[in-house]
Amino acid sequence: MRRIEDLQIKIFADGADKAGMLEMYARPYIKGFTTNPTLMRRANIRDYRSFAHDILQAIPDRPISFEVFSDDFTEMECQAMEIARWSSQVYVKIPVTNTRQEPAYPLIKRLSRAGVNLNITALMTLTQVREVAESISGGASAYVSVFAGRVADTGCDPLPIMASAVEVLRPNSKAELIWASPREVLNIFQANDIGCHIITATNDILNKLSLVGKDLTDYSLETVKMFYDDACRAGFRL
């Protein structure tokens, strides 16, 4: 039977709702946090800088990733340098390409060599992993975020890609692989089993961790009771 206590992988909470982030911060097994512009928009964040400073004050002792939002590499660099100054716990998220599919590798290399801790995001291919690995070699600490869940959404098994990515990054002790966009709790254990360093998950998935180790016979009975109770509440008659 699986147990949370046996996991070696670090679990990061992915979100931008302050209350939800603080809920996860209270859980010792949550080792860090990630955000992105989409999550921030859903949380109705309007002032990026104020939100970030507020979160960094509320969560002062775990790594937090904030993403640049320009599509121009020169402006991305300026944004990255400002974000990096907010706190030593900040990792700056840089997309692997811009919207014109121009690779961000030269920018990633400059920032990494300048000592900026990075979270390179939105990767989905091993070619991208290899290019990023080369760009961050000899630089600052970095997370390499492969969107395994989105890979799976295409009908492609992400496990071989993720296992190979672990090996690509192995020579760099400052690089950690993130399994991003998981779709179910099982993904946390899959990522752990292949030696992935970090998995990011939204609160809806993290809240299911209470089910880990649950007796399946008991869970079956609870499911049957749920269906029965809902049928009664609905007043169904035939």
Protein backbone atom coordinates (compact mmCIF):
# COMPACT_ATOMS: atom_id res chain seq x y z
CA MET A 1 0.00 0.00 0.00
CA ARG A 2 1.32 3.44 -0.94
CA ARG A 3 2.16 5.99 1.78
CA ILE A 4 2.90 9.71 1.56
CA GLU A 5 5.67 9.21 4.11
CA ASP A 6 7.59 7.04 1.63
CA LEU A 7 7.76 9.69 -1.07
CA GLN A 8 11.17 11.13 -1.93
CA ILE A 9 9.81 13.64 -4.44
CA LYS A 10 9.17 17.22 -3.35
CA ILE A 11 5.56 18.36 -3.71
CA PHE A 12 4.92 21.97 -4.75
CA ALA A 13 1.48 23.61 -4.69
CA ASP A 14 0.45 25.30 -7.92
CA GLY A 15 -1.92 28.24 -7.54
CA ALA A 16 -2.42 31.96 -7.07
CA ASP A 17 -5.27 32.16 -4.57
CA LYS A 18 -3.74 33.42 -1.32
CA ALA A 19 -6.13 31.51 0.96
CA GLY A 20 -5.47 28.30 -0.94
CA MET A 21 -1.72 28.87 -0.87
CA LEU A 22 -1.77 29.45 2.87
CA GLU A 23 -3.84 26.30 3.32
CA MET A 24 -1.07 24.35 1.61
CA TYR A 25 1.66 26.24 3.46
CA ALA A 26 0.27 24.77 6.68
CA ARG A 27 1.05 21.28 5.38
CA PRO A 28 4.68 20.34 6.09
CA TYR A 29 4.93 18.07 3.04
CA ILE A 30 4.35 21.03 0.69
CA LYS A 31 7.92 22.10 -0.03
CA GLY A 32 7.35 24.99 -2.44
CA PHE A 33 4.93 26.95 -4.62
CA THR A 34 4.49 27.85 -8.28
CA THR A 35 2.27 30.40 -9.99
CA ASN A 36 1.67 31.51 -13.56
CA PRO A 37 -0.24 34.31 -15.31
CA THR A 38 -3.22 32.05 -16.08
CA LEU A 39 -3.65 31.05 -12.44
CA MET A 40 -3.23 34.66 -11.35
CA ARG A 41 -5.89 35.82 -13.81
CA ARG A 42 -8.28 33.16 -12.51
CA ALA A 43 -7.63 34.41 -9.00
CA ASN A 44 -8.50 37.95 -10.17
CA ILE A 45 -5.01 39.30 -9.46
CA ARG A 46 -4.63 42.78 -10.90
CA ASP A 47 -1.39 44.08 -9.36
CA TYR A 48 1.34 41.53 -10.02
CA ARG A 49 4.02 43.17 -7.89
CA SER A 50 1.77 43.73 -4.86
CA PHE A 51 0.48 40.16 -5.01
CA ALA A 52 3.99 38.75 -5.16
CA HIS A 53 5.27 40.82 -2.25
CA ASP A 54 2.23 39.90 -0.18
CA ILE A 55 2.76 36.17 -0.82
CA LEU A 56 6.48 36.38 -0.13
CA GLN A 57 5.75 38.01 3.20
CA ALA A 58 3.14 35.37 4.07
CA ILE A 59 5.32 32.46 2.89
CA PRO A 60 8.88 33.52 3.70
CA ASP A 61 10.70 30.21 3.84
CA ARG A 62 9.84 28.08 0.79
CA PRO A 63 10.74 28.52 -2.88
CA ILE A 64 8.13 30.32 -4.96
CA SER A 65 8.13 30.66 -8.75
CA PHE A 66 6.81 33.81 -10.44
CA GLU A 67 6.64 34.03 -14.22
CA VAL A 68 7.61 36.79 -16.62
CA PHE A 69 4.78 37.85 -18.89
CA SER A 70 6.37 39.72 -21.78
CA ASP A 71 6.69 38.13 -25.22
CA ASP A 72 9.83 40.12 -26.01
CA PHE A 73 13.11 38.66 -24.80
CA THR A 74 14.66 42.01 -23.90
CA GLU A 75 11.67 42.92 -21.77
CA MET A 76 11.54 39.39 -20.36
CA GLU A 77 15.09 39.87 -19.14
CA CYS A 78 14.23 43.14 -17.41
CA GLN A 79 11.20 41.54 -15.76
CA ALA A 80 13.26 38.53 -14.70
CA MET A 81 15.91 40.69 -13.07
CA GLU A 82 13.30 42.63 -11.10
CA ILE A 83 11.44 39.50 -10.00
CA ALA A 84 14.70 37.89 -8.90
CA ARG A 85 15.40 40.86 -6.62
CA TRP A 86 12.18 40.36 -4.66
CA SER A 87 13.59 37.51 -2.56
CA SER A 88 16.30 34.87 -2.49
CA GLN A 89 13.52 32.25 -2.38
CA VAL A 90 12.17 33.34 -5.78
CA TYR A 91 12.63 31.28 -8.92
CA VAL A 92 11.88 33.20 -12.10
CA LYS A 93 9.74 31.32 -14.61
CA ILE A 94 10.86 31.70 -18.21
CA PRO A 95 8.82 30.02 -20.99
CA VAL A 96 10.89 27.77 -23.23
CA THR A 97 9.84 29.85 -26.26
CA ASN A 98 7.91 33.02 -26.91
CA THR A 99 4.59 32.99 -28.79
CA ARG A 100 6.45 33.11 -32.13
CA GLN A 101 8.15 29.83 -31.15
CA GLU A 102 11.51 31.57 -30.92
CA PRO A 103 13.59 29.62 -28.37
CA ALA A 104 14.47 31.33 -25.10
CA TYR A 105 17.74 29.42 -24.68
CA PRO A 106 20.08 32.44 -25.09
CA LEU A 107 18.07 34.39 -22.49
CA ILE A 108 18.01 31.39 -20.16
CA LYS A 109 21.78 31.09 -20.43
CA ARG A 110 22.37 34.79 -19.71
CA LEU A 111 20.07 34.81 -16.69
CA SER A 112 21.46 31.57 -15.31
CA ARG A 113 25.04 32.78 -15.65
CA ALA A 114 24.00 36.04 -13.97
CA GLY A 115 22.97 34.06 -10.88
CA VAL A 116 19.19 34.15 -11.38
CA ASN A 117 17.42 31.05 -10.08
CA LEU A 118 15.16 29.92 -12.90
CA ASN A 119 12.10 27.79 -13.52
CA ILE A 120 12.06 27.08 -17.24
CA THR A 121 8.48 26.26 -18.06
CA ALA A 122 6.14 24.77 -20.69
CA LEU A 123 8.56 22.12 -21.97
CA MET A 124 7.06 19.03 -23.60
CA THR A 125 9.86 17.40 -25.62
CA LEU A 126 13.20 15.82 -24.82
CA THR A 127 14.83 18.09 -27.38
CA GLN A 128 13.71 21.07 -25.30
CA VAL A 129 15.01 19.40 -22.14
CA ARG A 130 18.43 18.86 -23.72
CA GLU A 131 18.65 22.45 -24.98
CA VAL A 132 17.64 23.82 -21.58
CA ALA A 133 20.11 21.53 -19.80
CA GLU A 134 22.90 22.94 -21.94
CA SER A 135 21.72 26.52 -21.34
CA ILE A 136 21.76 26.20 -17.54
CA SER A 137 25.00 24.23 -17.31
CA GLY A 138 27.42 26.03 -15.01
CA GLY A 139 24.79 28.53 -13.91
CA ALA A 140 22.49 29.11 -10.97
CA SER A 141 19.95 26.68 -9.53
CA ALA A 142 17.14 25.85 -11.92
CA TYR A 143 13.91 23.93 -12.21
CA VAL A 144 13.11 22.35 -15.57
CA SER A 145 9.34 22.08 -15.82
CA VAL A 146 8.02 19.46 -18.23
CA PHE A 147 4.25 19.47 -18.63
CA ALA A 148 3.76 15.73 -18.38
CA GLY A 149 0.01 16.09 -17.87
CA ARG A 150 -0.39 17.94 -21.15
CA VAL A 151 1.76 15.35 -22.89
CA ALA A 152 -0.63 12.70 -21.56
CA ASP A 153 -3.61 14.72 -22.80
CA THR A 154 -2.38 14.10 -26.36
CA GLY A 155 -2.53 10.33 -25.87
CA CYS A 156 1.24 10.05 -25.44
CA ASP A 157 2.65 8.29 -22.37
CA PRO A 158 4.80 10.88 -20.55
CA LEU A 159 6.69 8.34 -18.42
CA PRO A 160 9.44 7.52 -20.96
CA ILE A 161 9.97 11.23 -21.65
CA MET A 162 10.17 12.06 -17.95
CA ALA A 163 12.49 9.14 -17.17
CA SER A 164 14.82 10.25 -19.96
CA ALA A 165 14.66 13.86 -18.74
CA VAL A 166 15.84 12.71 -15.31
CA GLU A 167 18.95 11.25 -16.98
CA VAL A 168 19.56 14.33 -19.13
CA LEU A 169 19.61 16.54 -16.02
CA ARG A 170 21.53 14.12 -13.79
CA PRO A 171 25.00 15.64 -14.45
CA ASN A 172 23.84 19.06 -13.20
CA SER A 173 23.48 19.01 -9.41
CA LYS A 174 21.80 22.42 -9.51
CA ALA A 175 19.03 21.34 -11.90
CA GLU A 176 15.80 19.71 -10.74
CA LEU A 177 13.12 18.22 -12.95
CA ILE A 178 9.50 19.21 -12.34
CA TRP A 179 6.62 16.94 -13.37
CA ALA A 180 4.10 19.67 -14.15
CA SER A 181 0.33 19.58 -14.70
CA PRO A 182 -0.43 16.19 -13.12
CA ARG A 183 -3.94 14.89 -13.66
CA GLU A 184 -4.27 12.52 -10.68
CA VAL A 185 -2.62 11.49 -7.42
CA LEU A 186 -1.12 8.44 -9.15
CA ASN A 187 1.12 10.82 -11.12
CA ILE A 188 2.83 11.84 -7.87
CA PHE A 189 3.89 8.26 -7.25
CA GLN A 190 4.84 7.72 -10.90
CA ALA A 191 7.05 10.80 -10.79
CA ASN A 192 8.58 9.65 -7.51
CA ASP A 193 9.33 6.18 -8.87
CA ILE A 194 11.37 7.46 -11.82
CA GLY A 195 13.44 9.79 -9.65
CA CYS A 196 11.80 13.07 -10.65
CA HIS A 197 12.78 15.78 -8.16
CA ILE A 198 9.57 17.83 -7.91
CA ILE A 199 5.91 17.62 -8.85
CA THR A 200 3.60 20.62 -8.93
CA ALA A 201 -0.11 20.12 -8.34
CA THR A 202 -3.19 22.26 -7.84
CA ASN A 203 -5.12 22.14 -4.58
CA ASP A 204 -7.87 19.90 -5.97
CA ILE A 205 -5.30 17.14 -6.55
CA LEU A 206 -3.37 17.83 -3.35
CA ASN A 207 -6.55 17.53 -1.31
CA LYS A 208 -6.92 13.96 -2.62
CA LEU A 209 -3.70 12.96 -0.86
CA SER A 210 -5.89 12.16 2.15
CA LEU A 211 -7.05 9.12 0.14
CA VAL A 212 -3.57 7.62 -0.12
CA GLY A 213 -3.54 4.24 1.60
CA LYS A 214 -7.32 4.12 1.91
CA ASP A 215 -8.86 0.63 2.01
CA LEU A 216 -10.44 0.05 -1.40
CA THR A 217 -13.28 -2.07 -0.01
CA ASP A 218 -14.23 0.78 2.31
CA TYR A 219 -13.91 3.25 -0.57
CA SER A 220 -16.20 1.08 -2.70
CA LEU A 221 -18.84 1.09 0.02
CA GLU A 222 -18.60 4.88 0.42
CA THR A 223 -19.16 5.24 -3.31
CA VAL A 224 -22.24 3.00 -3.24
CA LYS A 225 -23.63 5.02 -0.30
CA MET A 226 -22.99 8.27 -2.18
CA PHE A 227 -25.01 7.07 -5.18
CA TYR A 228 -27.82 5.83 -2.93
CA ASP A 229 -27.96 9.01 -0.83
CA ASP A 230 -28.03 11.22 -3.93
CA ALA A 231 -30.82 9.18 -5.48
CA CYS A 232 -32.83 9.60 -2.28
CA ARG A 233 -32.18 13.35 -2.12
CA ALA A 234 -33.23 13.70 -5.76
CA GLY A 235 -36.47 11.87 -5.01
CA PHE A 236 -36.12 9.54 -8.00
CA ARG A 237 -39.11 7.24 -8.70
CA LEU A 238 -39.74 4.68 -11.42
